[in-house]
Amino acid sequence: MTNSMTGFARSETQTDAGVLVWELRSVNHRYLEMNFRLPEAVRAAEPQCRAAVEAVLRRGKLDASLRLEQPEEGSRGLALDQATADDLSHALAALAERLPTARAPSLGELIQWPGLVRRPSPDPQALRRDALAGLESALGELAAYRAREGARTREMLLARCRTIATVVAQVRERVPQVLAGLRDKYRSRLAELDLEVDEGRLEQELAMVAQKLDVDEELDRLESHVAEVEDALERDEAIGRRLDFLMQEFNREANTLGSKSQDSETTAAAVELKVAIEQMREQIQNVE
């Protein structure tokens, strides 16, 4: 299966402490690189998070952020810190004795006292467990996203392979015509110069020219590379680097074909090959 390295996913997990929200963004990268932004309460679970990612992704740069969205402040779930309350009560009583005419603070003012009212801390183990479950859900969505993108890329690559195969077949059919044209051109030129032709020497020279212009090896390699790409697209593994290498080989053969060209049609075919190869190369940069 061909997978893209570009993707986005989001998941929400309801917990007793609030809602855990994962956001995953991945782009192309030579290797698998991960960057996590985690709340302090979940930071200890980062090794397990990395292991979960490695079980799903092979290549790409992943930015993963997790945030805990807690309910708005209110009386529900709040607890009075008894020790702080006792200390504050004793302090207020002492102040009342010293300043009998001072106004006593209201309950609304007292509840703002730092540390007097607190929200119970969530169970860290349960929070980490819920965070990992949410990450697995997000990774499943990310993998599906990357698979959809990869399927579209695969179809594009196969279409370009068909284009290359068609161009190679056209050039292969054109080669004998080019050689025949060169033969006629040389004979016509000799006739214009009114020179006596040594048929043996002429055939020898024509054979040397034909050898220099021989592109059978380049065409065979191009066909072989097409088959390699099609084979790679059927593999259930990371194929991006293999495809990138094949693009280099495609370019080498297309350049050689262009340098050996002796007619406009073959030159145009070499240009068409390079355009198709460049289009493939751009898409392959995102293949896992």
C-alpha atoms as a PDB file:
ATOM      1  CA  MET A   1       0.000   0.000   0.000  1.00  0.00           C
ATOM      2  CA  THR A   2       1.268   3.458  -0.964  1.00  0.00           C
ATOM      3  CA  ASN A   3       0.993   5.931   1.914  1.00  0.00           C
ATOM      4  CA  SER A   4       1.527   9.672   1.897  1.00  0.00           C
ATOM      5  CA  MET A   5       3.565  11.321   4.661  1.00  0.00           C
ATOM      6  CA  THR A   6       1.199  14.303   4.766  1.00  0.00           C
ATOM      7  CA  GLY A   7      -1.829  14.165   7.024  1.00  0.00           C
ATOM      8  CA  PHE A   8      -3.898  15.619   9.861  1.00  0.00           C
ATOM      9  CA  ALA A   9      -5.989  14.016  12.587  1.00  0.00           C
ATOM     10  CA  ARG A  10      -7.850  15.076  15.736  1.00  0.00           C
ATOM     11  CA  SER A  11      -9.446  13.108  18.528  1.00  0.00           C
ATOM     12  CA  GLU A  12     -11.313  13.960  21.729  1.00  0.00           C
ATOM     13  CA  THR A  13     -11.541  11.724  24.791  1.00  0.00           C
ATOM     14  CA  GLN A  14     -13.889  12.496  27.675  1.00  0.00           C
ATOM     15  CA  THR A  15     -12.322  11.867  31.102  1.00  0.00           C
ATOM     16  CA  ASP A  16     -13.185  12.639  34.700  1.00  0.00           C
ATOM     17  CA  ALA A  17     -10.668  15.492  34.607  1.00  0.00           C
ATOM     18  CA  GLY A  18     -12.006  17.006  31.368  1.00  0.00           C
ATOM     19  CA  VAL A  19     -11.625  16.477  27.619  1.00  0.00           C
ATOM     20  CA  LEU A  20      -8.292  15.287  26.217  1.00  0.00           C
ATOM     21  CA  VAL A  21      -7.775  16.691  22.711  1.00  0.00           C
ATOM     22  CA  TRP A  22      -5.086  15.281  20.423  1.00  0.00           C
ATOM     23  CA  GLU A  23      -4.029  17.042  17.219  1.00  0.00           C
ATOM     24  CA  LEU A  24      -1.597  15.301  14.864  1.00  0.00           C
ATOM     25  CA  ARG A  25       0.088  16.885  11.847  1.00  0.00           C
ATOM     26  CA  SER A  26       2.572  15.041   9.639  1.00  0.00           C
ATOM     27  CA  VAL A  27       4.684  16.181   6.687  1.00  0.00           C
ATOM     28  CA  ASN A  28       7.396  14.575   4.592  1.00  0.00           C
ATOM     29  CA  HIS A  29      10.762  13.791   6.142  1.00  0.00           C
ATOM     30  CA  ARG A  30      13.640  11.475   5.364  1.00  0.00           C
ATOM     31  CA  TYR A  31      13.136   9.508   8.581  1.00  0.00           C
ATOM     32  CA  LEU A  32      10.489   9.221  11.298  1.00  0.00           C
ATOM     33  CA  GLU A  33      10.765  12.275  13.533  1.00  0.00           C
ATOM     34  CA  MET A  34       8.343  12.990  16.390  1.00  0.00           C
ATOM     35  CA  ASN A  35       7.702  16.146  18.383  1.00  0.00           C
ATOM     36  CA  PHE A  36       5.300  15.926  21.339  1.00  0.00           C
ATOM     37  CA  ARG A  37       3.708  18.752  23.322  1.00  0.00           C
ATOM     38  CA  LEU A  38       2.101  17.215  26.400  1.00  0.00           C
ATOM     39  CA  PRO A  39       0.546  18.518  29.612  1.00  0.00           C
ATOM     40  CA  GLU A  40       2.698  18.015  32.686  1.00  0.00           C
ATOM     41  CA  ALA A  41       0.357  15.359  34.051  1.00  0.00           C
ATOM     42  CA  VAL A  42       0.860  13.203  30.928  1.00  0.00           C
ATOM     43  CA  ARG A  43       4.520  13.912  30.206  1.00  0.00           C
ATOM     44  CA  ALA A  44       5.635  10.646  31.811  1.00  0.00           C
ATOM     45  CA  ALA A  45       3.736   8.730  29.102  1.00  0.00           C
ATOM     46  CA  GLU A  46       5.827  10.138  26.236  1.00  0.00           C
ATOM     47  CA  PRO A  47       7.825   6.891  25.725  1.00  0.00           C
ATOM     48  CA  GLN A  48       4.568   4.950  25.330  1.00  0.00           C
ATOM     49  CA  CYS A  49       3.297   7.629  22.939  1.00  0.00           C
ATOM     50  CA  ARG A  50       6.422   7.278  20.793  1.00  0.00           C
ATOM     51  CA  ALA A  51       6.052   3.507  20.726  1.00  0.00           C
ATOM     52  CA  ALA A  52       2.417   3.859  19.611  1.00  0.00           C
ATOM     53  CA  VAL A  53       3.475   6.138  16.736  1.00  0.00           C
ATOM     54  CA  GLU A  54       6.291   3.808  15.636  1.00  0.00           C
ATOM     55  CA  ALA A  55       3.793   0.959  15.418  1.00  0.00           C
ATOM     56  CA  VAL A  56       1.765   2.893  12.826  1.00  0.00           C
ATOM     57  CA  LEU A  57       4.130   5.239  10.944  1.00  0.00           C
ATOM     58  CA  ARG A  58       7.435   4.497   9.220  1.00  0.00           C
ATOM     59  CA  ARG A  59       8.514   7.887   7.858  1.00  0.00           C
ATOM     60  CA  GLY A  60       7.540  11.527   8.194  1.00  0.00           C
ATOM     61  CA  LYS A  61       7.807  14.404  10.630  1.00  0.00           C
ATOM     62  CA  LEU A  62       4.998  14.252  13.188  1.00  0.00           C
ATOM     63  CA  ASP A  63       3.908  17.121  15.424  1.00  0.00           C
ATOM     64  CA  ALA A  64       1.613  15.824  18.158  1.00  0.00           C
ATOM     65  CA  SER A  65      -0.030  18.117  20.684  1.00  0.00           C
ATOM     66  CA  LEU A  66      -2.272  17.149  23.584  1.00  0.00           C
ATOM     67  CA  ARG A  67      -4.278  19.524  25.727  1.00  0.00           C
ATOM     68  CA  LEU A  68      -6.655  18.990  28.616  1.00  0.00           C
ATOM     69  CA  GLU A  69      -9.803  21.085  28.374  1.00  0.00           C
ATOM     70  CA  GLN A  70     -11.245  21.284  31.901  1.00  0.00           C
ATOM     71  CA  PRO A  71     -14.786  22.424  32.692  1.00  0.00           C
ATOM     72  CA  GLU A  72     -15.339  26.017  33.718  1.00  0.00           C
ATOM     73  CA  GLU A  73     -14.623  26.897  37.325  1.00  0.00           C
ATOM     74  CA  GLY A  74     -17.600  26.324  39.605  1.00  0.00           C
ATOM     75  CA  SER A  75     -18.632  24.690  42.827  1.00  0.00           C
ATOM     76  CA  ARG A  76     -18.842  21.230  41.287  1.00  0.00           C
ATOM     77  CA  GLY A  77     -15.718  19.256  41.900  1.00  0.00           C
ATOM     78  CA  LEU A  78     -14.182  21.882  44.178  1.00  0.00           C
ATOM     79  CA  ALA A  79     -12.762  21.024  47.611  1.00  0.00           C
ATOM     80  CA  LEU A  80     -11.957  23.168  50.641  1.00  0.00           C
ATOM     81  CA  ASP A  81      -8.376  22.929  51.845  1.00  0.00           C
ATOM     82  CA  GLN A  82      -9.058  22.393  55.554  1.00  0.00           C
ATOM     83  CA  ALA A  83      -5.566  23.291  56.761  1.00  0.00           C
ATOM     84  CA  THR A  84      -5.565  26.571  54.819  1.00  0.00           C
ATOM     85  CA  ALA A  85      -9.074  27.331  56.052  1.00  0.00           C
ATOM     86  CA  ASP A  86      -8.028  26.776  59.684  1.00  0.00           C
ATOM     87  CA  ASP A  87      -4.961  28.985  59.281  1.00  0.00           C
ATOM     88  CA  LEU A  88      -7.043  31.707  57.652  1.00  0.00           C
ATOM     89  CA  SER A  89      -9.685  31.490  60.411  1.00  0.00           C
ATOM     90  CA  HIS A  90      -7.069  31.912  63.124  1.00  0.00           C
ATOM     91  CA  ALA A  91      -5.518  34.854  61.267  1.00  0.00           C
ATOM     92  CA  LEU A  92      -8.880  36.561  60.848  1.00  0.00           C
ATOM     93  CA  ALA A  93      -9.683  36.072  64.535  1.00  0.00           C
ATOM     94  CA  ALA A  94      -6.356  37.620  65.513  1.00  0.00           C
ATOM     95  CA  LEU A  95      -6.976  40.581  63.189  1.00  0.00           C
ATOM     96  CA  ALA A  96     -10.464  41.075  64.604  1.00  0.00           C
ATOM     97  CA  GLU A  97      -8.988  41.425  68.095  1.00  0.00           C
ATOM     98  CA  ARG A  98      -6.397  43.949  66.921  1.00  0.00           C
ATOM     99  CA  LEU A  99      -8.772  45.851  64.621  1.00  0.00           C
ATOM    100  CA  PRO A 100     -12.249  45.564  66.142  1.00  0.00           C
ATOM    101  CA  THR A 101     -13.686  48.308  63.926  1.00  0.00           C
ATOM    102  CA  ALA A 102     -12.485  46.735  60.648  1.00  0.00           C
ATOM    103  CA  ARG A 103     -15.066  45.160  58.337  1.00  0.00           C
ATOM    104  CA  ALA A 104     -14.962  41.381  58.227  1.00  0.00           C
ATOM    105  CA  PRO A 105     -14.332  39.991  54.721  1.00  0.00           C
ATOM    106  CA  SER A 106     -17.255  38.379  52.902  1.00  0.00           C
ATOM    107  CA  LEU A 107     -17.352  34.735  51.807  1.00  0.00           C
ATOM    108  CA  GLY A 108     -16.968  35.871  48.219  1.00  0.00           C
ATOM    109  CA  GLU A 109     -13.738  37.606  49.144  1.00  0.00           C
ATOM    110  CA  LEU A 110     -12.482  34.733  51.266  1.00  0.00           C
ATOM    111  CA  ILE A 111     -12.993  32.155  48.531  1.00  0.00           C
ATOM    112  CA  GLN A 112     -10.474  34.039  46.382  1.00  0.00           C
ATOM    113  CA  TRP A 113      -7.762  33.346  48.940  1.00  0.00           C
ATOM    114  CA  PRO A 114      -4.929  31.390  47.230  1.00  0.00           C
ATOM    115  CA  GLY A 115      -5.083  27.701  48.055  1.00  0.00           C
ATOM    116  CA  LEU A 116      -8.322  27.885  50.057  1.00  0.00           C
ATOM    117  CA  VAL A 117     -10.424  26.204  47.371  1.00  0.00           C
ATOM    118  CA  ARG A 118      -8.886  23.742  44.983  1.00  0.00           C
ATOM    119  CA  ARG A 119      -9.984  21.349  42.311  1.00  0.00           C
ATOM    120  CA  PRO A 120      -9.122  17.727  43.076  1.00  0.00           C
ATOM    121  CA  SER A 121      -6.117  16.525  41.052  1.00  0.00           C
ATOM    122  CA  PRO A 122      -6.960  13.867  38.458  1.00  0.00           C
ATOM    123  CA  ASP A 123      -5.613  10.357  38.822  1.00  0.00           C
ATOM    124  CA  PRO A 124      -2.350  10.546  36.776  1.00  0.00           C
ATOM    125  CA  GLN A 125      -2.413   6.870  35.804  1.00  0.00           C
ATOM    126  CA  ALA A 126      -6.005   7.085  34.548  1.00  0.00           C
ATOM    127  CA  LEU A 127      -5.181  10.291  32.691  1.00  0.00           C
ATOM    128  CA  ARG A 128      -2.181   8.710  30.959  1.00  0.00           C
ATOM    129  CA  ARG A 129      -4.262   5.662  30.063  1.00  0.00           C
ATOM    130  CA  ASP A 130      -6.964   7.857  28.534  1.00  0.00           C
ATOM    131  CA  ALA A 131      -4.323   9.915  26.701  1.00  0.00           C
ATOM    132  CA  LEU A 132      -2.853   6.790  25.097  1.00  0.00           C
ATOM    133  CA  ALA A 133      -6.313   5.612  24.043  1.00  0.00           C
ATOM    134  CA  GLY A 134      -6.976   8.994  22.460  1.00  0.00           C
ATOM    135  CA  LEU A 135      -3.625   8.899  20.663  1.00  0.00           C
ATOM    136  CA  GLU A 136      -4.368   5.484  19.184  1.00  0.00           C
ATOM    137  CA  SER A 137      -7.690   6.807  17.893  1.00  0.00           C
ATOM    138  CA  ALA A 138      -5.995   9.839  16.347  1.00  0.00           C
ATOM    139  CA  LEU A 139      -3.276   7.659  14.800  1.00  0.00           C
ATOM    140  CA  GLY A 140      -5.918   5.484  13.179  1.00  0.00           C
ATOM    141  CA  GLU A 141      -7.500   8.572  11.625  1.00  0.00           C
ATOM    142  CA  LEU A 142      -4.081   9.872  10.541  1.00  0.00           C
ATOM    143  CA  ALA A 143      -3.163   6.544   8.948  1.00  0.00           C
ATOM    144  CA  ALA A 144      -6.466   6.527   7.030  1.00  0.00           C
ATOM    145  CA  TYR A 145      -5.831  10.088   5.842  1.00  0.00           C
ATOM    146  CA  ARG A 146      -2.314   9.218   4.675  1.00  0.00           C
ATOM    147  CA  ALA A 147      -3.622   6.084   2.944  1.00  0.00           C
ATOM    148  CA  ARG A 148      -6.203   8.111   0.984  1.00  0.00           C
ATOM    149  CA  GLU A 149      -3.550  10.599  -0.087  1.00  0.00           C
ATOM    150  CA  GLY A 150      -1.228   7.722  -0.951  1.00  0.00           C
ATOM    151  CA  ALA A 151      -3.871   6.050  -3.122  1.00  0.00           C
ATOM    152  CA  ARG A 152      -4.250   9.221  -5.184  1.00  0.00           C
ATOM    153  CA  THR A 153      -0.477   9.518  -5.507  1.00  0.00           C
ATOM    154  CA  ARG A 154      -0.254   5.877  -6.574  1.00  0.00           C
ATOM    155  CA  GLU A 155      -2.727   6.408  -9.412  1.00  0.00           C
ATOM    156  CA  MET A 156      -0.795   9.458 -10.579  1.00  0.00           C
ATOM    157  CA  LEU A 157       2.497   7.534 -10.568  1.00  0.00           C
ATOM    158  CA  LEU A 158       0.994   4.630 -12.496  1.00  0.00           C
ATOM    159  CA  ALA A 159      -0.385   7.057 -15.078  1.00  0.00           C
ATOM    160  CA  ARG A 160       3.074   8.602 -15.543  1.00  0.00           C
ATOM    161  CA  CYS A 161       4.592   5.132 -15.848  1.00  0.00           C
ATOM    162  CA  ARG A 162       2.175   4.411 -18.670  1.00  0.00           C
ATOM    163  CA  THR A 163       3.213   7.670 -20.315  1.00  0.00           C
ATOM    164  CA  ILE A 164       6.884   6.735 -20.074  1.00  0.00           C
ATOM    165  CA  ALA A 165       6.227   3.255 -21.468  1.00  0.00           C
ATOM    166  CA  THR A 166       4.341   4.775 -24.415  1.00  0.00           C
ATOM    167  CA  VAL A 167       7.148   7.241 -25.158  1.00  0.00           C
ATOM    168  CA  VAL A 168       9.770   4.479 -24.957  1.00  0.00           C
ATOM    169  CA  ALA A 169       7.790   2.359 -27.441  1.00  0.00           C
ATOM    170  CA  GLN A 170       7.534   5.320 -29.819  1.00  0.00           C
ATOM    171  CA  VAL A 171      11.278   6.006 -29.658  1.00  0.00           C
ATOM    172  CA  ARG A 172      12.087   2.340 -30.182  1.00  0.00           C
ATOM    173  CA  GLU A 173       9.924   2.356 -33.303  1.00  0.00           C
ATOM    174  CA  ARG A 174      11.510   5.605 -34.459  1.00  0.00           C
ATOM    175  CA  VAL A 175      15.163   4.501 -34.205  1.00  0.00           C
ATOM    176  CA  PRO A 176      15.306   2.465 -37.455  1.00  0.00           C
ATOM    177  CA  GLN A 177      13.728   5.376 -39.325  1.00  0.00           C
ATOM    178  CA  VAL A 178      16.362   7.761 -37.944  1.00  0.00           C
ATOM    179  CA  LEU A 179      19.190   5.469 -39.016  1.00  0.00           C
ATOM    180  CA  ALA A 180      17.676   5.040 -42.462  1.00  0.00           C
ATOM    181  CA  GLY A 181      17.344   8.801 -42.766  1.00  0.00           C
ATOM    182  CA  LEU A 182      21.009   9.290 -41.850  1.00  0.00           C
ATOM    183  CA  ARG A 183      22.034   6.721 -44.444  1.00  0.00           C
ATOM    184  CA  ASP A 184      20.053   8.532 -47.137  1.00  0.00           C
ATOM    185  CA  LYS A 185      21.427  11.888 -45.982  1.00  0.00           C
ATOM    186  CA  TYR A 186      25.051  10.716 -46.245  1.00  0.00           C
ATOM    187  CA  ARG A 187      24.485   9.162 -49.677  1.00  0.00           C
ATOM    188  CA  SER A 188      22.761  12.308 -50.893  1.00  0.00           C
ATOM    189  CA  ARG A 189      25.619  14.466 -49.629  1.00  0.00           C
ATOM    190  CA  LEU A 190      28.205  12.308 -51.328  1.00  0.00           C
ATOM    191  CA  ALA A 191      26.209  12.454 -54.535  1.00  0.00           C
ATOM    192  CA  GLU A 192      26.153  16.243 -54.371  1.00  0.00           C
ATOM    193  CA  LEU A 193      29.930  16.309 -53.991  1.00  0.00           C
ATOM    194  CA  ASP A 194      30.241  13.943 -56.954  1.00  0.00           C
ATOM    195  CA  LEU A 195      32.651  11.691 -55.077  1.00  0.00           C
ATOM    196  CA  GLU A 196      33.341   8.068 -55.748  1.00  0.00           C
ATOM    197  CA  VAL A 197      31.803   6.034 -52.950  1.00  0.00           C
ATOM    198  CA  ASP A 198      33.631   3.164 -51.332  1.00  0.00           C
ATOM    199  CA  GLU A 199      30.659   1.094 -50.234  1.00  0.00           C
ATOM    200  CA  GLY A 200      32.694  -0.825 -47.674  1.00  0.00           C
ATOM    201  CA  ARG A 201      34.067   2.332 -46.097  1.00  0.00           C
ATOM    202  CA  LEU A 202      30.624   3.957 -46.179  1.00  0.00           C
ATOM    203  CA  GLU A 203      29.017   1.024 -44.425  1.00  0.00           C
ATOM    204  CA  GLN A 204      31.812   1.061 -41.857  1.00  0.00           C
ATOM    205  CA  GLU A 205      31.232   4.770 -41.147  1.00  0.00           C
ATOM    206  CA  LEU A 206      27.486   4.263 -40.979  1.00  0.00           C
ATOM    207  CA  ALA A 207      27.976   1.386 -38.532  1.00  0.00           C
ATOM    208  CA  MET A 208      30.102   3.623 -36.288  1.00  0.00           C
ATOM    209  CA  VAL A 209      27.442   6.355 -36.378  1.00  0.00           C
ATOM    210  CA  ALA A 210      24.728   3.814 -35.610  1.00  0.00           C
ATOM    211  CA  GLN A 211      26.740   2.589 -32.625  1.00  0.00           C
ATOM    212  CA  LYS A 212      27.027   6.123 -31.237  1.00  0.00           C
ATOM    213  CA  LEU A 213      23.322   6.669 -31.691  1.00  0.00           C
ATOM    214  CA  ASP A 214      22.280   3.295 -30.299  1.00  0.00           C
ATOM    215  CA  VAL A 215      19.753   3.884 -27.502  1.00  0.00           C
ATOM    216  CA  ASP A 216      18.506   0.318 -27.050  1.00  0.00           C
ATOM    217  CA  GLU A 217      20.265   0.047 -23.697  1.00  0.00           C
ATOM    218  CA  GLU A 218      18.703   3.287 -22.443  1.00  0.00           C
ATOM    219  CA  LEU A 219      15.252   2.216 -23.622  1.00  0.00           C
ATOM    220  CA  ASP A 220      15.639  -1.194 -21.982  1.00  0.00           C
ATOM    221  CA  ARG A 221      16.604   0.468 -18.696  1.00  0.00           C
ATOM    222  CA  LEU A 222      13.681   2.856 -18.847  1.00  0.00           C
ATOM    223  CA  GLU A 223      11.313  -0.079 -19.316  1.00  0.00           C
ATOM    224  CA  SER A 224      13.018  -1.873 -16.437  1.00  0.00           C
ATOM    225  CA  HIS A 225      12.621   1.177 -14.178  1.00  0.00           C
ATOM    226  CA  VAL A 226       8.929   1.380 -15.057  1.00  0.00           C
ATOM    227  CA  ALA A 227       8.531  -2.235 -13.972  1.00  0.00           C
ATOM    228  CA  GLU A 228      10.445  -1.494 -10.743  1.00  0.00           C
ATOM    229  CA  VAL A 229       8.146   1.418  -9.907  1.00  0.00           C
ATOM    230  CA  GLU A 230       5.032  -0.656 -10.555  1.00  0.00           C
ATOM    231  CA  ASP A 231       6.443  -3.443  -8.378  1.00  0.00           C
ATOM    232  CA  ALA A 232       7.306  -1.044  -5.559  1.00  0.00           C
ATOM    233  CA  LEU A 233       3.778   0.399  -5.562  1.00  0.00           C
ATOM    234  CA  GLU A 234       2.443  -3.072  -4.745  1.00  0.00           C
ATOM    235  CA  ARG A 235       4.651  -3.515  -1.660  1.00  0.00           C
ATOM    236  CA  ASP A 236       3.289  -3.165   1.858  1.00  0.00           C
ATOM    237  CA  GLU A 237       6.289  -1.270   3.200  1.00  0.00           C
ATOM    238  CA  ALA A 238       7.945   2.136   3.099  1.00  0.00           C
ATOM    239  CA  ILE A 239       8.871   2.672  -0.556  1.00  0.00           C
ATOM    240  CA  GLY A 240       9.640   6.399  -0.729  1.00  0.00           C
ATOM    241  CA  ARG A 241      13.417   6.057  -0.739  1.00  0.00           C
ATOM    242  CA  ARG A 242      13.333   3.281  -3.345  1.00  0.00           C
ATOM    243  CA  LEU A 243      11.147   5.411  -5.604  1.00  0.00           C
ATOM    244  CA  ASP A 244      13.395   8.439  -5.099  1.00  0.00           C
ATOM    245  CA  PHE A 245      16.394   6.382  -6.232  1.00  0.00           C
ATOM    246  CA  LEU A 246      14.480   5.156  -9.282  1.00  0.00           C
ATOM    247  CA  MET A 247      13.699   8.753 -10.243  1.00  0.00           C
ATOM    248  CA  GLN A 248      17.434   9.459 -10.341  1.00  0.00           C
ATOM    249  CA  GLU A 249      17.913   6.476 -12.636  1.00  0.00           C
ATOM    250  CA  PHE A 250      15.025   7.592 -14.848  1.00  0.00           C
ATOM    251  CA  ASN A 251      16.610  11.024 -15.206  1.00  0.00           C
ATOM    252  CA  ARG A 252      19.996   9.557 -16.112  1.00  0.00           C
ATOM    253  CA  GLU A 253      18.557   7.487 -18.956  1.00  0.00           C
ATOM    254  CA  ALA A 254      16.371  10.346 -20.227  1.00  0.00           C
ATOM    255  CA  ASN A 255      19.385  12.674 -20.315  1.00  0.00           C
ATOM    256  CA  THR A 256      21.439  10.128 -22.219  1.00  0.00           C
ATOM    257  CA  LEU A 257      18.598   9.591 -24.672  1.00  0.00           C
ATOM    258  CA  GLY A 258      18.414  13.329 -25.288  1.00  0.00           C
ATOM    259  CA  SER A 259      22.167  13.649 -25.811  1.00  0.00           C
ATOM    260  CA  LYS A 260      22.144  10.860 -28.406  1.00  0.00           C
ATOM    261  CA  SER A 261      19.151  12.260 -30.268  1.00  0.00           C
ATOM    262  CA  GLN A 262      19.659  13.081 -33.943  1.00  0.00           C
ATOM    263  CA  ASP A 263      16.131  14.206 -34.843  1.00  0.00           C
ATOM    264  CA  SER A 264      13.483  16.511 -33.422  1.00  0.00           C
ATOM    265  CA  GLU A 265      10.994  13.759 -32.599  1.00  0.00           C
ATOM    266  CA  THR A 266      13.445  11.876 -30.401  1.00  0.00           C
ATOM    267  CA  THR A 267      14.469  15.130 -28.710  1.00  0.00           C
ATOM    268  CA  ALA A 268      10.808  15.932 -28.036  1.00  0.00           C
ATOM    269  CA  ALA A 269      10.352  12.427 -26.641  1.00  0.00           C
ATOM    270  CA  ALA A 270      13.285  12.932 -24.258  1.00  0.00           C
ATOM    271  CA  VAL A 271      11.761  16.212 -23.075  1.00  0.00           C
ATOM    272  CA  GLU A 272       8.397  14.521 -22.548  1.00  0.00           C
ATOM    273  CA  LEU A 273      10.115  11.828 -20.510  1.00  0.00           C
ATOM    274  CA  LYS A 274      11.830  14.397 -18.292  1.00  0.00           C
ATOM    275  CA  VAL A 275       8.533  16.232 -17.695  1.00  0.00           C
ATOM    276  CA  ALA A 276       6.820  12.998 -16.624  1.00  0.00           C
ATOM    277  CA  ILE A 277       9.769  12.034 -14.417  1.00  0.00           C
ATOM    278  CA  GLU A 278       9.795  15.443 -12.712  1.00  0.00           C
ATOM    279  CA  GLN A 279       6.074  15.191 -12.021  1.00  0.00           C
ATOM    280  CA  MET A 280       6.664  11.788 -10.438  1.00  0.00           C
ATOM    281  CA  ARG A 281       9.609  13.032  -8.421  1.00  0.00           C
ATOM    282  CA  GLU A 282       7.589  15.886  -6.915  1.00  0.00           C
ATOM    283  CA  GLN A 283       4.859  13.499  -5.763  1.00  0.00           C
ATOM    284  CA  ILE A 284       7.314  10.922  -4.458  1.00  0.00           C
ATOM    285  CA  GLN A 285       8.684  13.445  -1.963  1.00  0.00           C
ATOM    286  CA  ASN A 286       5.505  12.814   0.059  1.00  0.00           C
ATOM    287  CA  VAL A 287       5.475   9.008  -0.250  1.00  0.00           C
ATOM    288  CA  GLU A 288       6.245   7.154   2.976  1.00  0.00           C
END
